Protein backbone atom coordinates (compact mmCIF):
# COMPACT_ATOMS: atom_id res chain seq x y z
CA UNK A 1 59.49 125.37 64.87
CA UNK A 2 62.51 127.59 64.31
CA UNK A 3 61.90 130.33 61.73
CA UNK A 4 64.30 132.18 59.45
CA UNK A 5 63.61 135.86 60.13
CA UNK A 6 63.97 138.52 57.47
CA UNK A 7 67.31 140.31 57.56
CA UNK A 8 66.41 143.61 55.91
CA UNK A 9 63.29 145.60 56.87
CA UNK A 10 60.57 145.22 54.22
CA UNK A 11 60.09 148.98 53.94
CA UNK A 12 63.69 149.62 52.82
CA UNK A 13 63.91 151.16 49.31
CA UNK A 14 65.79 148.22 47.78
CA UNK A 15 63.74 145.63 49.66
CA UNK A 16 60.57 146.81 47.87
CA UNK A 17 62.01 146.15 44.41
CA UNK A 18 61.61 143.12 42.16
CA UNK A 19 63.85 140.26 43.40
CA UNK A 20 65.04 139.47 39.87
CA UNK A 21 66.33 143.03 39.44
CA UNK A 22 68.36 142.81 42.63
CA UNK A 23 69.76 139.37 41.83
CA UNK A 24 70.56 140.46 38.26
CA UNK A 25 72.49 143.49 39.53
CA UNK A 26 74.40 141.32 42.01
CA UNK A 27 75.21 138.80 39.27
CA UNK A 28 76.56 141.54 36.98
CA UNK A 29 78.93 142.81 39.69
CA UNK A 30 80.09 139.31 40.61
CA UNK A 31 80.78 138.40 36.97
CA UNK A 32 82.85 141.56 36.49
CA UNK A 33 84.99 140.69 39.52
CA UNK A 34 85.27 137.10 38.34
CA UNK A 35 86.58 138.23 34.95
CA UNK A 36 89.61 139.96 36.45
CA UNK A 37 92.29 138.84 38.92
CA UNK A 38 93.66 142.27 39.82
CA UNK A 39 92.94 143.97 43.18
CA UNK A 40 91.42 147.18 41.77
CA UNK A 41 88.28 145.64 40.25
CA UNK A 42 87.10 143.93 43.47
CA UNK A 43 88.02 146.99 45.54
CA UNK A 44 85.83 149.28 43.41
CA UNK A 45 83.01 146.71 43.38
CA UNK A 46 83.16 146.32 47.17
CA UNK A 47 83.07 150.09 47.65
CA UNK A 48 79.98 150.31 45.46
CA UNK A 49 78.18 147.47 47.25
CA UNK A 50 78.96 148.91 50.68
CA UNK A 51 77.69 152.31 49.54
CA UNK A 52 74.19 150.94 48.87
CA UNK A 53 73.82 149.21 52.25
CA UNK A 54 71.81 152.08 53.81
CA UNK A 55 69.28 151.86 50.94
CA UNK A 56 68.93 148.12 51.63
CA UNK A 57 68.12 148.77 55.29
CA UNK A 58 71.27 146.92 56.41
CA UNK A 59 73.83 148.13 58.91
CA UNK A 60 77.47 147.12 58.70
CA UNK A 61 77.11 145.21 61.96
CA UNK A 62 74.15 143.24 60.64
CA UNK A 63 76.02 142.51 57.41
CA UNK A 64 79.02 141.28 59.40
CA UNK A 65 76.77 139.07 61.51
CA UNK A 66 75.29 137.54 58.36
CA UNK A 67 78.44 137.30 56.25
CA UNK A 68 81.16 136.39 58.74
CA UNK A 69 81.69 132.92 57.18
CA UNK A 70 82.54 134.62 53.87
CA UNK A 71 84.95 136.95 55.66
CA UNK A 72 86.71 134.02 57.33
CA UNK A 73 86.81 132.10 54.05
CA UNK A 74 88.31 135.08 52.23
CA UNK A 75 90.93 135.49 54.98
CA UNK A 76 91.87 131.80 54.79
CA UNK A 77 92.10 131.79 51.00
CA UNK A 78 94.15 134.98 50.98
CA UNK A 79 96.56 133.90 53.72
CA UNK A 80 97.09 130.47 52.15
CA UNK A 81 98.00 132.05 48.83
CA UNK A 82 100.27 134.54 50.57
CA UNK A 83 102.26 131.80 52.30
CA UNK A 84 102.27 129.08 49.65
CA UNK A 85 102.23 131.03 46.38
CA UNK A 86 104.51 129.78 43.61
CA UNK A 87 105.64 133.33 42.75
CA UNK A 88 107.67 134.64 45.70
CA UNK A 89 109.34 137.59 44.00
CA UNK A 90 110.06 140.97 45.50
CA UNK A 91 111.11 141.68 49.07
CA UNK A 92 111.03 138.71 51.42
CA UNK A 93 109.26 139.17 54.76
CA UNK A 94 109.17 135.57 55.99
CA UNK A 95 111.14 132.45 55.06
CA UNK A 96 110.39 129.62 57.46
CA UNK A 97 110.53 126.14 55.94
CA UNK A 98 107.64 125.75 53.49
CA UNK A 99 106.23 129.13 54.51
CA UNK A 100 107.33 132.05 52.36
CA UNK A 101 105.97 135.58 52.40
CA UNK A 102 107.11 138.20 49.94
CA UNK A 103 105.77 141.43 48.55
CA UNK A 104 104.50 139.71 45.41
CA UNK A 105 102.74 136.89 47.27
CA UNK A 106 101.31 139.40 49.76
CA UNK A 107 99.77 141.42 46.94
CA UNK A 108 98.50 138.31 45.17
CA UNK A 109 96.95 136.80 48.29
CA UNK A 110 95.33 140.10 49.25
CA UNK A 111 93.86 140.47 45.77
CA UNK A 112 92.46 136.94 45.88
CA UNK A 113 90.88 137.55 49.29
CA UNK A 114 89.30 140.75 47.96
CA UNK A 115 87.94 138.83 44.95
CA UNK A 116 86.27 136.27 47.22
CA UNK A 117 84.57 139.06 49.17
CA UNK A 118 83.57 141.02 46.08
CA UNK A 119 82.11 137.94 44.37
CA UNK A 120 80.07 136.79 47.37
CA UNK A 121 79.03 140.06 49.01
CA UNK A 122 76.64 141.32 46.29
CA UNK A 123 74.69 138.07 46.53
CA UNK A 124 74.57 138.29 50.33
CA UNK A 125 73.16 141.82 50.19
CA UNK A 126 70.68 140.92 47.46
CA UNK A 127 69.35 137.82 49.20
CA UNK A 128 69.11 139.72 52.50
CA UNK A 129 66.50 141.97 50.88
CA UNK A 130 64.59 139.24 49.00
CA UNK A 131 61.45 137.58 50.29
CA UNK A 132 61.50 133.91 49.19
CA UNK A 133 57.82 133.93 48.26
CA UNK A 134 58.27 137.01 46.07
CA UNK A 135 61.29 135.39 44.41
CA UNK A 136 59.32 132.24 43.59
CA UNK A 137 56.49 134.35 42.16
CA UNK A 138 58.89 136.36 40.00
CA UNK A 139 60.65 133.25 38.72
CA UNK A 140 57.31 131.92 37.49
CA UNK A 141 55.91 135.22 36.19
CA UNK A 142 58.97 136.85 34.57
CA UNK A 143 61.35 133.98 33.77
CA UNK A 144 58.60 131.42 33.07
CA UNK A 145 60.19 128.88 35.41
CA UNK A 146 57.88 125.87 35.92
CA UNK A 147 55.68 126.43 38.95
CA UNK A 148 56.47 122.96 40.27
CA UNK A 149 60.19 123.76 40.44
CA UNK A 150 59.79 127.28 41.87
CA UNK A 151 57.26 126.36 44.55
CA UNK A 152 59.19 123.20 45.39
CA UNK A 153 62.36 125.25 45.91
CA UNK A 154 60.40 127.70 48.06
CA UNK A 155 59.01 124.86 50.18
CA UNK A 156 62.51 123.41 50.59
CA UNK A 157 63.79 126.79 51.77
CA UNK A 158 60.92 127.11 54.24
CA UNK A 159 61.68 123.63 55.61
CA UNK A 160 65.39 124.30 56.20
CA UNK A 161 64.87 125.36 59.85
CA UNK A 162 63.42 121.92 60.53
CA UNK A 163 66.87 120.41 60.04
CA UNK A 164 68.23 122.37 63.00
CA UNK A 165 65.26 121.33 65.14
CA UNK A 166 65.63 117.68 64.17
CA UNK A 167 69.37 117.80 64.85
CA UNK A 168 68.68 118.97 68.39
CA UNK A 169 65.96 116.36 68.89
CA UNK A 170 68.22 113.55 67.69
CA UNK A 171 70.96 114.70 70.05
CA UNK A 172 68.57 114.85 72.99
CA UNK A 173 67.19 111.39 72.15
CA UNK A 174 70.68 109.88 72.00
CA UNK A 175 71.65 111.41 75.33
CA UNK A 176 68.39 110.17 76.90
CA UNK A 177 69.33 106.65 75.76
CA UNK A 178 72.81 107.01 77.23
CA UNK A 179 74.60 107.33 73.88
CA UNK A 180 77.29 109.95 74.26
CA UNK A 181 80.66 110.20 72.54
CA UNK A 182 82.36 111.99 75.42
CA UNK A 183 85.85 113.14 74.50
CA UNK A 184 86.50 110.29 72.04
CA UNK A 185 86.97 111.85 68.56
CA UNK A 186 86.22 108.56 66.77
CA UNK A 187 82.96 108.14 68.65
CA UNK A 188 82.07 111.76 67.90
CA UNK A 189 82.69 111.11 64.21
CA UNK A 190 80.47 108.01 64.22
CA UNK A 191 77.65 109.85 66.01
CA UNK A 192 77.96 112.76 63.60
CA UNK A 193 77.73 110.44 60.58
CA UNK A 194 74.76 108.57 62.09
CA UNK A 195 72.94 111.84 62.80
CA UNK A 196 73.59 113.15 59.30
CA UNK A 197 72.26 109.90 57.81
CA UNK A 198 69.11 110.16 59.93
CA UNK A 199 68.60 113.75 58.76
CA UNK A 200 69.08 112.67 55.15
CA UNK A 201 66.49 109.89 55.48
CA UNK A 202 64.01 112.28 57.09
CA UNK A 203 64.60 114.90 54.36
CA UNK A 204 64.03 112.35 51.58
CA UNK A 205 60.79 111.16 53.17
CA UNK A 206 59.57 114.72 53.68
CA UNK A 207 60.45 115.57 50.08
CA UNK A 208 58.45 112.60 48.83
CA UNK A 209 55.40 113.63 50.83
CA UNK A 210 55.76 117.20 49.59
CA UNK A 211 55.97 116.06 45.95
CA UNK A 212 52.85 113.93 46.37
CA UNK A 213 50.98 116.84 47.94
CA UNK A 214 52.02 119.18 45.12
CA UNK A 215 50.89 116.69 42.47
CA UNK A 216 47.55 116.38 44.25
CA UNK A 217 47.15 120.15 44.03
CA UNK A 218 47.72 120.21 40.30
CA UNK A 219 51.32 121.42 40.11
CA UNK A 220 52.10 118.70 37.57
CA UNK A 221 49.18 119.61 35.30
CA UNK A 222 49.55 121.51 32.04
CA UNK A 223 46.75 123.90 32.98
CA UNK A 224 48.02 127.51 33.31
CA UNK A 225 48.08 128.69 36.91
CA UNK A 226 46.89 132.04 38.21
CA UNK A 227 48.80 134.24 40.67
CA UNK A 228 47.60 135.71 43.93
CA UNK A 229 50.16 138.54 43.69
CA UNK A 230 51.55 140.19 40.59
CA UNK A 231 55.13 141.45 40.52
CA UNK A 232 55.64 143.67 37.47
CA UNK A 233 59.11 144.74 36.34
CA UNK A 234 58.86 148.51 36.83
CA UNK A 235 61.07 151.49 36.13
CA UNK A 236 62.90 151.42 39.50
CA UNK A 237 63.65 147.75 38.93
CA UNK A 238 65.26 148.57 35.59
CA UNK A 239 67.28 151.34 37.26
CA UNK A 240 68.64 148.93 39.88
CA UNK A 241 69.56 146.41 37.21
CA UNK A 242 71.23 149.13 35.15
CA UNK A 243 73.04 150.34 38.29
CA UNK A 244 74.53 146.90 38.84
CA UNK A 245 75.71 146.74 35.23
CA UNK A 246 77.10 150.29 35.54
CA UNK A 247 79.01 149.43 38.72
CA UNK A 248 80.49 146.38 37.00
CA UNK A 249 81.54 148.51 34.02
CA UNK A 250 83.04 151.22 36.25
CA UNK A 251 85.04 148.65 38.23
CA UNK A 252 86.50 147.19 35.03
CA UNK A 253 87.09 150.66 33.54
CA UNK A 254 88.98 151.86 36.61
CA UNK A 255 91.10 148.71 36.56
CA UNK A 256 91.91 149.17 32.87
CA UNK A 257 92.53 152.90 33.30
CA UNK A 258 95.03 152.36 36.12
CA UNK A 259 96.84 149.68 34.13
CA UNK A 260 96.26 146.92 36.69
CA UNK A 261 93.69 144.90 34.75
CA UNK A 262 94.63 141.24 34.45
CA UNK A 263 92.00 139.07 32.70
CA UNK A 264 91.13 135.72 34.14
CA UNK A 265 91.61 134.05 30.76
CA UNK A 266 94.30 135.12 28.36
């Protein structure tokens, strides 16, 4: 079975903290970036997030290896808005048919790409330092989330690697039976859809068995459950949460102070 290894070392200072504190701090920074469409707010937020990477036990190379899809997505969103923006004021750098690139669209597309990075990166760093079992425990203990939902979500996360294994097994079985799409794109599309449907059927069956097993173990009962591990919300956890709120406030304050703040609404 393929496992999902931990990204950050468990002995890192931030990795030892309460998962809810880390996710709350990441949410505060992301909401601050989401509230503004100027380039200064996401730039300050990104600088703050990158500054705490050593305390999370993450190197920039490891972060790039984990978050490269977000980087590509931000580049695509930014470049598309640069070339196809409705506002093409300022100096013109490119005018080729439907493609237009000006100083205004360049600034707007760059700001939008920065926003995508600044919204997603805090969550990537936070989840890289969170153990799924600890997160499920904290959801039940601090937020009073029903144990059935929290443990079910944890089990679903633990079973995610099975999808990759089953995908490989289905591909090997089809090739053993002589079913191969070759270079035909239509045949590749049909095989892809058939494989996805088989994975969906297997996931639904596995989910049903898991739900039955959880009911048999009393997860659907009204009896209060005990916890093997307690996760109190301590002083360092409150400091991390306050640090995330402070970073969000500083990013907005710098944007307002420089006169570049543009609210998302209004």
